[in-house]
Amino acid sequence: MLFEPVHKSVEIGNSSNLLEVALSNNIELNHTCGGMGSCTTCRIFVLKGKMSPRTEIEKERAEERGFSSNERLACQLKPVDQMVVEIPAQRNQGS
């Protein structure tokens, strides 16, 4: 999978969610609630790839915050090999 705008391609391994993938590959991704889905600081945008359905926690946060369909919580999203995601907090820090 590929993380933008840091242009880092990584293997997903046995990670259960996208936040774990990022952290295990030294990719900075904000997360203040410990992956519980309550803070929304690990919000990412899926640019390409199949997405798992939202968890109940993520559905609640997405509705509260008005997320678009490709705006997801990394701590709740299952990683997929060909997925391309954008970390919005790093839009101006890439490369």
PDB file of N, CA and C in Angstrom:
ATOM      1  N   MET A   1       0.839  -1.175   0.000  1.00  0.00           N
ATOM      2  CA  MET A   1       0.000   0.000   0.000  1.00  0.00           C
ATOM      3  C   MET A   1       0.883   1.238   0.000  1.00  0.00           C
ATOM      4  N   LEU A   2       0.294   2.357  -0.392  1.00  0.00           N
ATOM      5  CA  LEU A   2       1.060   3.592  -0.546  1.00  0.00           C
ATOM      6  C   LEU A   2       0.463   4.700   0.313  1.00  0.00           C
ATOM      7  N   PHE A   3       1.339   5.393   1.051  1.00  0.00           N
ATOM      8  CA  PHE A   3       0.945   6.550   1.854  1.00  0.00           C
ATOM      9  C   PHE A   3       1.414   7.813   1.146  1.00  0.00           C
ATOM     10  N   GLU A   4       0.497   8.728   0.924  1.00  0.00           N
ATOM     11  CA  GLU A   4       0.800  10.035   0.341  1.00  0.00           C
ATOM     12  C   GLU A   4       0.544  11.098   1.396  1.00  0.00           C
ATOM     13  N   PRO A   5       1.134  12.219   1.360  1.00  0.00           N
ATOM     14  CA  PRO A   5       2.105  12.702   0.393  1.00  0.00           C
ATOM     15  C   PRO A   5       3.543  12.339   0.733  1.00  0.00           C
ATOM     16  N   VAL A   6       3.731  11.390   1.642  1.00  0.00           N
ATOM     17  CA  VAL A   6       5.097  11.009   2.019  1.00  0.00           C
ATOM     18  C   VAL A   6       5.716  10.042   1.020  1.00  0.00           C
ATOM     19  N   HIS A   7       4.922   9.575   0.034  1.00  0.00           N
ATOM     20  CA  HIS A   7       5.395   8.699  -1.038  1.00  0.00           C
ATOM     21  C   HIS A   7       6.068   7.442  -0.502  1.00  0.00           C
ATOM     22  N   LYS A   8       5.463   6.822   0.518  1.00  0.00           N
ATOM     23  CA  LYS A   8       6.063   5.631   1.116  1.00  0.00           C
ATOM     24  C   LYS A   8       5.179   4.423   0.844  1.00  0.00           C
ATOM     25  N   SER A   9       5.755   3.451   0.153  1.00  0.00           N
ATOM     26  CA  SER A   9       5.074   2.201  -0.154  1.00  0.00           C
ATOM     27  C   SER A   9       5.481   1.169   0.889  1.00  0.00           C
ATOM     28  N   VAL A  10       4.500   0.480   1.479  1.00  0.00           N
ATOM     29  CA  VAL A  10       4.775  -0.463   2.561  1.00  0.00           C
ATOM     30  C   VAL A  10       3.953  -1.735   2.393  1.00  0.00           C
ATOM     31  N   GLU A  11       4.393  -2.788   3.046  1.00  0.00           N
ATOM     32  CA  GLU A  11       3.642  -4.045   3.112  1.00  0.00           C
ATOM     33  C   GLU A  11       2.687  -3.945   4.286  1.00  0.00           C
ATOM     34  N   ILE A  12       1.506  -4.528   4.154  1.00  0.00           N
ATOM     35  CA  ILE A  12       0.542  -4.435   5.249  1.00  0.00           C
ATOM     36  C   ILE A  12       0.774  -5.502   6.317  1.00  0.00           C
ATOM     37  N   GLY A  13       1.453  -6.582   5.985  1.00  0.00           N
ATOM     38  CA  GLY A  13       1.753  -7.612   6.974  1.00  0.00           C
ATOM     39  C   GLY A  13       0.505  -8.136   7.656  1.00  0.00           C
ATOM     40  N   ASN A  14       0.579  -8.365   8.956  1.00  0.00           N
ATOM     41  CA  ASN A  14      -0.545  -8.894   9.732  1.00  0.00           C
ATOM     42  C   ASN A  14      -1.300  -7.809  10.484  1.00  0.00           C
ATOM     43  N   SER A  15      -1.137  -6.573  10.077  1.00  0.00           N
ATOM     44  CA  SER A  15      -1.781  -5.456  10.779  1.00  0.00           C
ATOM     45  C   SER A  15      -3.294  -5.539  10.655  1.00  0.00           C
ATOM     46  N   SER A  16      -3.985  -5.228  11.737  1.00  0.00           N
ATOM     47  CA  SER A  16      -5.448  -5.306  11.722  1.00  0.00           C
ATOM     48  C   SER A  16      -6.103  -4.003  11.268  1.00  0.00           C
ATOM     49  N   ASN A  17      -5.340  -2.906  11.264  1.00  0.00           N
ATOM     50  CA  ASN A  17      -5.901  -1.639  10.795  1.00  0.00           C
ATOM     51  C   ASN A  17      -4.803  -0.761  10.201  1.00  0.00           C
ATOM     52  N   LEU A  18      -5.220   0.277   9.520  1.00  0.00           N
ATOM     53  CA  LEU A  18      -4.296   1.168   8.819  1.00  0.00           C
ATOM     54  C   LEU A  18      -3.377   1.933   9.763  1.00  0.00           C
ATOM     55  N   LEU A  19      -3.855   2.269  10.944  1.00  0.00           N
ATOM     56  CA  LEU A  19      -3.015   2.947  11.923  1.00  0.00           C
ATOM     57  C   LEU A  19      -1.832   2.067  12.305  1.00  0.00           C
ATOM     58  N   GLU A  20      -2.065   0.791  12.538  1.00  0.00           N
ATOM     59  CA  GLU A  20      -0.978  -0.141  12.859  1.00  0.00           C
ATOM     60  C   GLU A  20       0.034  -0.219  11.722  1.00  0.00           C
ATOM     61  N   VAL A  21      -0.447  -0.233  10.485  1.00  0.00           N
ATOM     62  CA  VAL A  21       0.452  -0.272   9.321  1.00  0.00           C
ATOM     63  C   VAL A  21       1.352   0.957   9.331  1.00  0.00           C
ATOM     64  N   ALA A  22       0.754   2.123   9.507  1.00  0.00           N
ATOM     65  CA  ALA A  22       1.525   3.371   9.503  1.00  0.00           C
ATOM     66  C   ALA A  22       2.575   3.369  10.613  1.00  0.00           C
ATOM     67  N   LEU A  23       2.157   3.081  11.824  1.00  0.00           N
ATOM     68  CA  LEU A  23       3.076   3.140  12.958  1.00  0.00           C
ATOM     69  C   LEU A  23       4.191   2.103  12.855  1.00  0.00           C
ATOM     70  N   SER A  24       3.876   0.915  12.359  1.00  0.00           N
ATOM     71  CA  SER A  24       4.912  -0.121  12.241  1.00  0.00           C
ATOM     72  C   SER A  24       5.907   0.173  11.130  1.00  0.00           C
ATOM     73  N   ASN A  25       5.578   1.138  10.271  1.00  0.00           N
ATOM     74  CA  ASN A  25       6.474   1.533   9.179  1.00  0.00           C
ATOM     75  C   ASN A  25       7.017   2.949   9.358  1.00  0.00           C
ATOM     76  N   ASN A  26       6.977   3.442  10.583  1.00  0.00           N
ATOM     77  CA  ASN A  26       7.508   4.766  10.922  1.00  0.00           C
ATOM     78  C   ASN A  26       6.905   5.892  10.095  1.00  0.00           C
ATOM     79  N   ILE A  27       5.615   5.785   9.821  1.00  0.00           N
ATOM     80  CA  ILE A  27       4.896   6.844   9.122  1.00  0.00           C
ATOM     81  C   ILE A  27       4.109   7.613  10.174  1.00  0.00           C
ATOM     82  N   GLU A  28       4.351   8.914  10.241  1.00  0.00           N
ATOM     83  CA  GLU A  28       3.674   9.747  11.230  1.00  0.00           C
ATOM     84  C   GLU A  28       2.198   9.853  10.907  1.00  0.00           C
ATOM     85  N   LEU A  29       1.387   9.467  11.865  1.00  0.00           N
ATOM     86  CA  LEU A  29      -0.059   9.569  11.713  1.00  0.00           C
ATOM     87  C   LEU A  29      -0.625   9.899  13.086  1.00  0.00           C
ATOM     88  N   ASN A  30      -1.221  11.078  13.204  1.00  0.00           N
ATOM     89  CA  ASN A  30      -1.776  11.502  14.490  1.00  0.00           C
ATOM     90  C   ASN A  30      -2.747  10.462  15.025  1.00  0.00           C
ATOM     91  N   HIS A  31      -2.709  10.268  16.333  1.00  0.00           N
ATOM     92  CA  HIS A  31      -3.643   9.355  17.007  1.00  0.00           C
ATOM     93  C   HIS A  31      -3.568   9.644  18.500  1.00  0.00           C
ATOM     94  N   THR A  32      -4.614  10.214  19.038  1.00  0.00           N
ATOM     95  CA  THR A  32      -4.563  10.598  20.445  1.00  0.00           C
ATOM     96  C   THR A  32      -5.414   9.722  21.351  1.00  0.00           C
ATOM     97  N   CYS A  33      -6.287   8.879  20.784  1.00  0.00           N
ATOM     98  CA  CYS A  33      -7.157   8.066  21.638  1.00  0.00           C
ATOM     99  C   CYS A  33      -6.701   6.612  21.718  1.00  0.00           C
ATOM    100  N   GLY A  34      -5.519   6.323  21.190  1.00  0.00           N
ATOM    101  CA  GLY A  34      -5.015   4.955  21.258  1.00  0.00           C
ATOM    102  C   GLY A  34      -5.713   3.987  20.313  1.00  0.00           C
ATOM    103  N   GLY A  35      -6.265   4.497  19.221  1.00  0.00           N
ATOM    104  CA  GLY A  35      -6.905   3.633  18.237  1.00  0.00           C
ATOM    105  C   GLY A  35      -8.308   3.193  18.612  1.00  0.00           C
ATOM    106  N   MET A  36      -8.977   3.951  19.444  1.00  0.00           N
ATOM    107  CA  MET A  36     -10.328   3.597  19.884  1.00  0.00           C
ATOM    108  C   MET A  36     -11.423   4.201  18.988  1.00  0.00           C
ATOM    109  N   GLY A  37     -11.037   5.080  18.071  1.00  0.00           N
ATOM    110  CA  GLY A  37     -11.998   5.676  17.157  1.00  0.00           C
ATOM    111  C   GLY A  37     -12.778   6.845  17.722  1.00  0.00           C
ATOM    112  N   SER A  38     -12.334   7.383  18.843  1.00  0.00           N
ATOM    113  CA  SER A  38     -13.104   8.469  19.462  1.00  0.00           C
ATOM    114  C   SER A  38     -12.588   9.862  19.150  1.00  0.00           C
ATOM    115  N   CYS A  39     -11.325  10.005  18.772  1.00  0.00           N
ATOM    116  CA  CYS A  39     -10.760  11.346  18.609  1.00  0.00           C
ATOM    117  C   CYS A  39     -10.771  11.853  17.163  1.00  0.00           C
ATOM    118  N   THR A  40     -10.780  10.995  16.205  1.00  0.00           N
ATOM    119  CA  THR A  40     -10.746  11.274  14.758  1.00  0.00           C
ATOM    120  C   THR A  40      -9.440  11.912  14.278  1.00  0.00           C
ATOM    121  N   THR A  41      -8.399  11.914  15.100  1.00  0.00           N
ATOM    122  CA  THR A  41      -7.136  12.518  14.665  1.00  0.00           C
ATOM    123  C   THR A  41      -6.380  11.650  13.661  1.00  0.00           C
ATOM    124  N   CYS A  42      -6.759  10.388  13.513  1.00  0.00           N
ATOM    125  CA  CYS A  42      -6.092   9.511  12.539  1.00  0.00           C
ATOM    126  C   CYS A  42      -6.842   9.497  11.205  1.00  0.00           C
ATOM    127  N   ARG A  43      -7.615  10.522  10.958  1.00  0.00           N
ATOM    128  CA  ARG A  43      -8.405  10.640   9.723  1.00  0.00           C
ATOM    129  C   ARG A  43      -7.487  10.639   8.505  1.00  0.00           C
ATOM    130  N   ILE A  44      -7.861   9.845   7.509  1.00  0.00           N
ATOM    131  CA  ILE A  44      -7.125   9.780   6.244  1.00  0.00           C
ATOM    132  C   ILE A  44      -8.141   9.799   5.096  1.00  0.00           C
ATOM    133  N   PHE A  45      -7.639   9.951   3.879  1.00  0.00           N
ATOM    134  CA  PHE A  45      -8.474   9.864   2.687  1.00  0.00           C
ATOM    135  C   PHE A  45      -7.984   8.684   1.859  1.00  0.00           C
ATOM    136  N   VAL A  46      -8.899   7.820   1.448  1.00  0.00           N
ATOM    137  CA  VAL A  46      -8.548   6.695   0.583  1.00  0.00           C
ATOM    138  C   VAL A  46      -8.647   7.202  -0.849  1.00  0.00           C
ATOM    139  N   LEU A  47      -7.502   7.239  -1.550  1.00  0.00           N
ATOM    140  CA  LEU A  47      -7.455   7.738  -2.919  1.00  0.00           C
ATOM    141  C   LEU A  47      -7.698   6.625  -3.929  1.00  0.00           C
ATOM    142  N   LYS A  48      -7.334   5.382  -3.525  1.00  0.00           N
ATOM    143  CA  LYS A  48      -7.477   4.242  -4.434  1.00  0.00           C
ATOM    144  C   LYS A  48      -7.557   2.971  -3.595  1.00  0.00           C
ATOM    145  N   GLY A  49      -8.369   2.046  -4.043  1.00  0.00           N
ATOM    146  CA  GLY A  49      -8.443   0.747  -3.385  1.00  0.00           C
ATOM    147  C   GLY A  49      -9.791   0.470  -2.754  1.00  0.00           C
ATOM    148  N   LYS A  50     -10.018  -0.793  -2.524  1.00  0.00           N
ATOM    149  CA  LYS A  50     -11.260  -1.253  -1.910  1.00  0.00           C
ATOM    150  C   LYS A  50     -11.218  -0.976  -0.410  1.00  0.00           C
ATOM    151  N   MET A  51     -12.346  -0.532   0.136  1.00  0.00           N
ATOM    152  CA  MET A  51     -12.410  -0.211   1.558  1.00  0.00           C
ATOM    153  C   MET A  51     -13.337  -1.186   2.279  1.00  0.00           C
ATOM    154  N   SER A  52     -12.948  -1.544   3.489  1.00  0.00           N
ATOM    155  CA  SER A  52     -13.827  -2.350   4.336  1.00  0.00           C
ATOM    156  C   SER A  52     -14.985  -1.465   4.788  1.00  0.00           C
ATOM    157  N   PRO A  53     -16.107  -2.070   5.144  1.00  0.00           N
ATOM    158  CA  PRO A  53     -17.224  -1.267   5.652  1.00  0.00           C
ATOM    159  C   PRO A  53     -16.822  -0.542   6.940  1.00  0.00           C
ATOM    160  N   ARG A  54     -17.474   0.564   7.210  1.00  0.00           N
ATOM    161  CA  ARG A  54     -17.212   1.301   8.442  1.00  0.00           C
ATOM    162  C   ARG A  54     -17.666   0.467   9.642  1.00  0.00           C
ATOM    163  N   THR A  55     -16.899   0.546  10.727  1.00  0.00           N
ATOM    164  CA  THR A  55     -17.324  -0.062  11.983  1.00  0.00           C
ATOM    165  C   THR A  55     -18.416   0.821  12.577  1.00  0.00           C
ATOM    166  N   GLU A  56     -19.102   0.335  13.590  1.00  0.00           N
ATOM    167  CA  GLU A  56     -20.149   1.141  14.229  1.00  0.00           C
ATOM    168  C   GLU A  56     -19.570   2.430  14.805  1.00  0.00           C
ATOM    169  N   ILE A  57     -18.399   2.324  15.417  1.00  0.00           N
ATOM    170  CA  ILE A  57     -17.738   3.507  15.975  1.00  0.00           C
ATOM    171  C   ILE A  57     -17.448   4.518  14.870  1.00  0.00           C
ATOM    172  N   GLU A  58     -16.904   4.028  13.762  1.00  0.00           N
ATOM    173  CA  GLU A  58     -16.558   4.929  12.665  1.00  0.00           C
ATOM    174  C   GLU A  58     -17.809   5.534  12.029  1.00  0.00           C
ATOM    175  N   LYS A  59     -18.873   4.762  11.927  1.00  0.00           N
ATOM    176  CA  LYS A  59     -20.128   5.296  11.385  1.00  0.00           C
ATOM    177  C   LYS A  59     -20.599   6.493  12.207  1.00  0.00           C
ATOM    178  N   GLU A  60     -20.535   6.350  13.527  1.00  0.00           N
ATOM    179  CA  GLU A  60     -20.956   7.447  14.409  1.00  0.00           C
ATOM    180  C   GLU A  60     -20.102   8.686  14.202  1.00  0.00           C
ATOM    181  N   ARG A  61     -18.775   8.512  14.163  1.00  0.00           N
ATOM    182  CA  ARG A  61     -17.873   9.658  13.994  1.00  0.00           C
ATOM    183  C   ARG A  61     -18.058  10.294  12.619  1.00  0.00           C
ATOM    184  N   ALA A  62     -18.205   9.477  11.589  1.00  0.00           N
ATOM    185  CA  ALA A  62     -18.368   9.996  10.231  1.00  0.00           C
ATOM    186  C   ALA A  62     -19.639  10.826  10.114  1.00  0.00           C
ATOM    187  N   GLU A  63     -20.703  10.368  10.751  1.00  0.00           N
ATOM    188  CA  GLU A  63     -21.961  11.111  10.724  1.00  0.00           C
ATOM    189  C   GLU A  63     -21.839  12.414  11.500  1.00  0.00           C
ATOM    190  N   GLU A  64     -21.219  12.350  12.684  1.00  0.00           N
ATOM    191  CA  GLU A  64     -21.028  13.551  13.512  1.00  0.00           C
ATOM    192  C   GLU A  64     -20.205  14.611  12.800  1.00  0.00           C
ATOM    193  N   ARG A  65     -19.166  14.165  12.100  1.00  0.00           N
ATOM    194  CA  ARG A  65     -18.205  15.088  11.471  1.00  0.00           C
ATOM    195  C   ARG A  65     -18.481  15.366  10.000  1.00  0.00           C
ATOM    196  N   GLY A  66     -19.443  14.682   9.410  1.00  0.00           N
ATOM    197  CA  GLY A  66     -19.767  14.909   8.004  1.00  0.00           C
ATOM    198  C   GLY A  66     -18.697  14.420   7.048  1.00  0.00           C
ATOM    199  N   PHE A  67     -18.106  13.273   7.346  1.00  0.00           N
ATOM    200  CA  PHE A  67     -17.056  12.712   6.492  1.00  0.00           C
ATOM    201  C   PHE A  67     -17.602  12.367   5.107  1.00  0.00           C
ATOM    202  N   SER A  68     -16.766  12.540   4.097  1.00  0.00           N
ATOM    203  CA  SER A  68     -17.095  12.061   2.753  1.00  0.00           C
ATOM    204  C   SER A  68     -16.899  10.542   2.729  1.00  0.00           C
ATOM    205  N   SER A  69     -17.325   9.896   1.667  1.00  0.00           N
ATOM    206  CA  SER A  69     -17.264   8.429   1.610  1.00  0.00           C
ATOM    207  C   SER A  69     -15.839   7.880   1.646  1.00  0.00           C
ATOM    208  N   ASN A  70     -14.864   8.647   1.178  1.00  0.00           N
ATOM    209  CA  ASN A  70     -13.471   8.170   1.184  1.00  0.00           C
ATOM    210  C   ASN A  70     -12.662   8.708   2.363  1.00  0.00           C
ATOM    211  N   GLU A  71     -13.321   9.420   3.257  1.00  0.00           N
ATOM    212  CA  GLU A  71     -12.688   9.965   4.467  1.00  0.00           C
ATOM    213  C   GLU A  71     -12.899   8.950   5.583  1.00  0.00           C
ATOM    214  N   ARG A  72     -11.792   8.381   6.083  1.00  0.00           N
ATOM    215  CA  ARG A  72     -11.899   7.262   7.012  1.00  0.00           C
ATOM    216  C   ARG A  72     -10.992   7.458   8.217  1.00  0.00           C
ATOM    217  N   LEU A  73     -11.238   6.663   9.249  1.00  0.00           N
ATOM    218  CA  LEU A  73     -10.372   6.635  10.429  1.00  0.00           C
ATOM    219  C   LEU A  73      -9.401   5.481  10.261  1.00  0.00           C
ATOM    220  N   ALA A  74      -8.122   5.779  10.288  1.00  0.00           N
ATOM    221  CA  ALA A  74      -7.101   4.749  10.072  1.00  0.00           C
ATOM    222  C   ALA A  74      -7.177   3.641  11.117  1.00  0.00           C
ATOM    223  N   CYS A  75      -7.578   3.988  12.329  1.00  0.00           N
ATOM    224  CA  CYS A  75      -7.647   2.984  13.399  1.00  0.00           C
ATOM    225  C   CYS A  75      -8.804   2.015  13.220  1.00  0.00           C
ATOM    226  N   GLN A  76      -9.737   2.334  12.333  1.00  0.00           N
ATOM    227  CA  GLN A  76     -10.914   1.488  12.127  1.00  0.00           C
ATOM    228  C   GLN A  76     -10.932   0.810  10.763  1.00  0.00           C
ATOM    229  N   LEU A  77     -10.055   1.225   9.865  1.00  0.00           N
ATOM    230  CA  LEU A  77     -10.051   0.731   8.484  1.00  0.00           C
ATOM    231  C   LEU A  77      -9.079  -0.425   8.304  1.00  0.00           C
ATOM    232  N   LYS A  78      -9.563  -1.516   7.730  1.00  0.00           N
ATOM    233  CA  LYS A  78      -8.694  -2.661   7.451  1.00  0.00           C
ATOM    234  C   LYS A  78      -7.853  -2.350   6.218  1.00  0.00           C
ATOM    235  N   PRO A  79      -6.546  -2.633   6.284  1.00  0.00           N
ATOM    236  CA  PRO A  79      -5.673  -2.336   5.146  1.00  0.00           C
ATOM    237  C   PRO A  79      -5.850  -3.339   4.007  1.00  0.00           C
ATOM    238  N   VAL A  80      -5.665  -2.860   2.782  1.00  0.00           N
ATOM    239  CA  VAL A  80      -5.732  -3.679   1.573  1.00  0.00           C
ATOM    240  C   VAL A  80      -4.483  -3.387   0.756  1.00  0.00           C
ATOM    241  N   ASP A  81      -3.912  -4.438   0.159  1.00  0.00           N
ATOM    242  CA  ASP A  81      -2.639  -4.318  -0.551  1.00  0.00           C
ATOM    243  C   ASP A  81      -2.505  -3.145  -1.517  1.00  0.00           C
ATOM    244  N   GLN A  82      -3.435  -2.953  -2.412  1.00  0.00           N
ATOM    245  CA  GLN A  82      -3.279  -1.929  -3.450  1.00  0.00           C
ATOM    246  C   GLN A  82      -3.850  -0.570  -3.049  1.00  0.00           C
ATOM    247  N   MET A  83      -4.101  -0.373  -1.780  1.00  0.00           N
ATOM    248  CA  MET A  83      -4.697   0.870  -1.291  1.00  0.00           C
ATOM    249  C   MET A  83      -3.691   2.024  -1.358  1.00  0.00           C
ATOM    250  N   VAL A  84      -4.200   3.199  -1.741  1.00  0.00           N
ATOM    251  CA  VAL A  84      -3.420   4.433  -1.704  1.00  0.00           C
ATOM    252  C   VAL A  84      -4.188   5.390  -0.797  1.00  0.00           C
ATOM    253  N   VAL A  85      -3.505   5.893   0.233  1.00  0.00           N
ATOM    254  CA  VAL A  85      -4.163   6.801   1.174  1.00  0.00           C
ATOM    255  C   VAL A  85      -3.385   8.095   1.311  1.00  0.00           C
ATOM    256  N   GLU A  86      -4.111   9.142   1.645  1.00  0.00           N
ATOM    257  CA  GLU A  86      -3.498  10.452   1.874  1.00  0.00           C
ATOM    258  C   GLU A  86      -3.672  10.818   3.337  1.00  0.00           C
ATOM    259  N   ILE A  87      -2.587  11.254   3.934  1.00  0.00           N
ATOM    260  CA  ILE A  87      -2.611  11.749   5.310  1.00  0.00           C
ATOM    261  C   ILE A  87      -2.783  13.258   5.216  1.00  0.00           C
ATOM    262  N   PRO A  88      -3.974  13.783   5.516  1.00  0.00           N
ATOM    263  CA  PRO A  88      -4.243  15.206   5.285  1.00  0.00           C
ATOM    264  C   PRO A  88      -3.361  16.160   6.090  1.00  0.00           C
ATOM    265  N   ALA A  89      -2.983  15.801   7.292  1.00  0.00           N
ATOM    266  CA  ALA A  89      -2.159  16.689   8.113  1.00  0.00           C
ATOM    267  C   ALA A  89      -0.779  16.894   7.503  1.00  0.00           C
ATOM    268  N   GLN A  90      -0.394  16.024   6.573  1.00  0.00           N
ATOM    269  CA  GLN A  90       0.936  16.110   5.976  1.00  0.00           C
ATOM    270  C   GLN A  90       0.910  16.614   4.533  1.00  0.00           C
ATOM    271  N   ARG A  91      -0.197  17.159   4.104  1.00  0.00           N
ATOM    272  CA  ARG A  91      -0.312  17.636   2.717  1.00  0.00           C
ATOM    273  C   ARG A  91       0.801  18.576   2.330  1.00  0.00           C
ATOM    274  N   ASN A  92       1.220  19.433   3.238  1.00  0.00           N
ATOM    275  CA  ASN A  92       2.253  20.397   2.925  1.00  0.00           C
ATOM    276  C   ASN A  92       3.628  19.993   3.427  1.00  0.00           C
ATOM    277  N   GLN A  93       3.758  18.771   3.941  1.00  0.00           N
ATOM    278  CA  GLN A  93       5.046  18.314   4.483  1.00  0.00           C
ATOM    279  C   GLN A  93       5.671  17.220   3.622  1.00  0.00           C
ATOM    280  N   GLY A  94       5.009  16.772   2.560  1.00  0.00           N
ATOM    281  CA  GLY A  94       5.507  15.673   1.746  1.00  0.00           C
ATOM    282  C   GLY A  94       6.806  16.002   1.065  1.00  0.00           C
ATOM    283  N   SER A  95       7.577  14.940   0.759  1.00  0.00           N
ATOM    284  CA  SER A  95       8.875  15.020   0.087  1.00  0.00           C
ATOM    285  C   SER A  95       9.733  16.083   0.707  1.00  0.00           C
TER     286      SER A  95
END
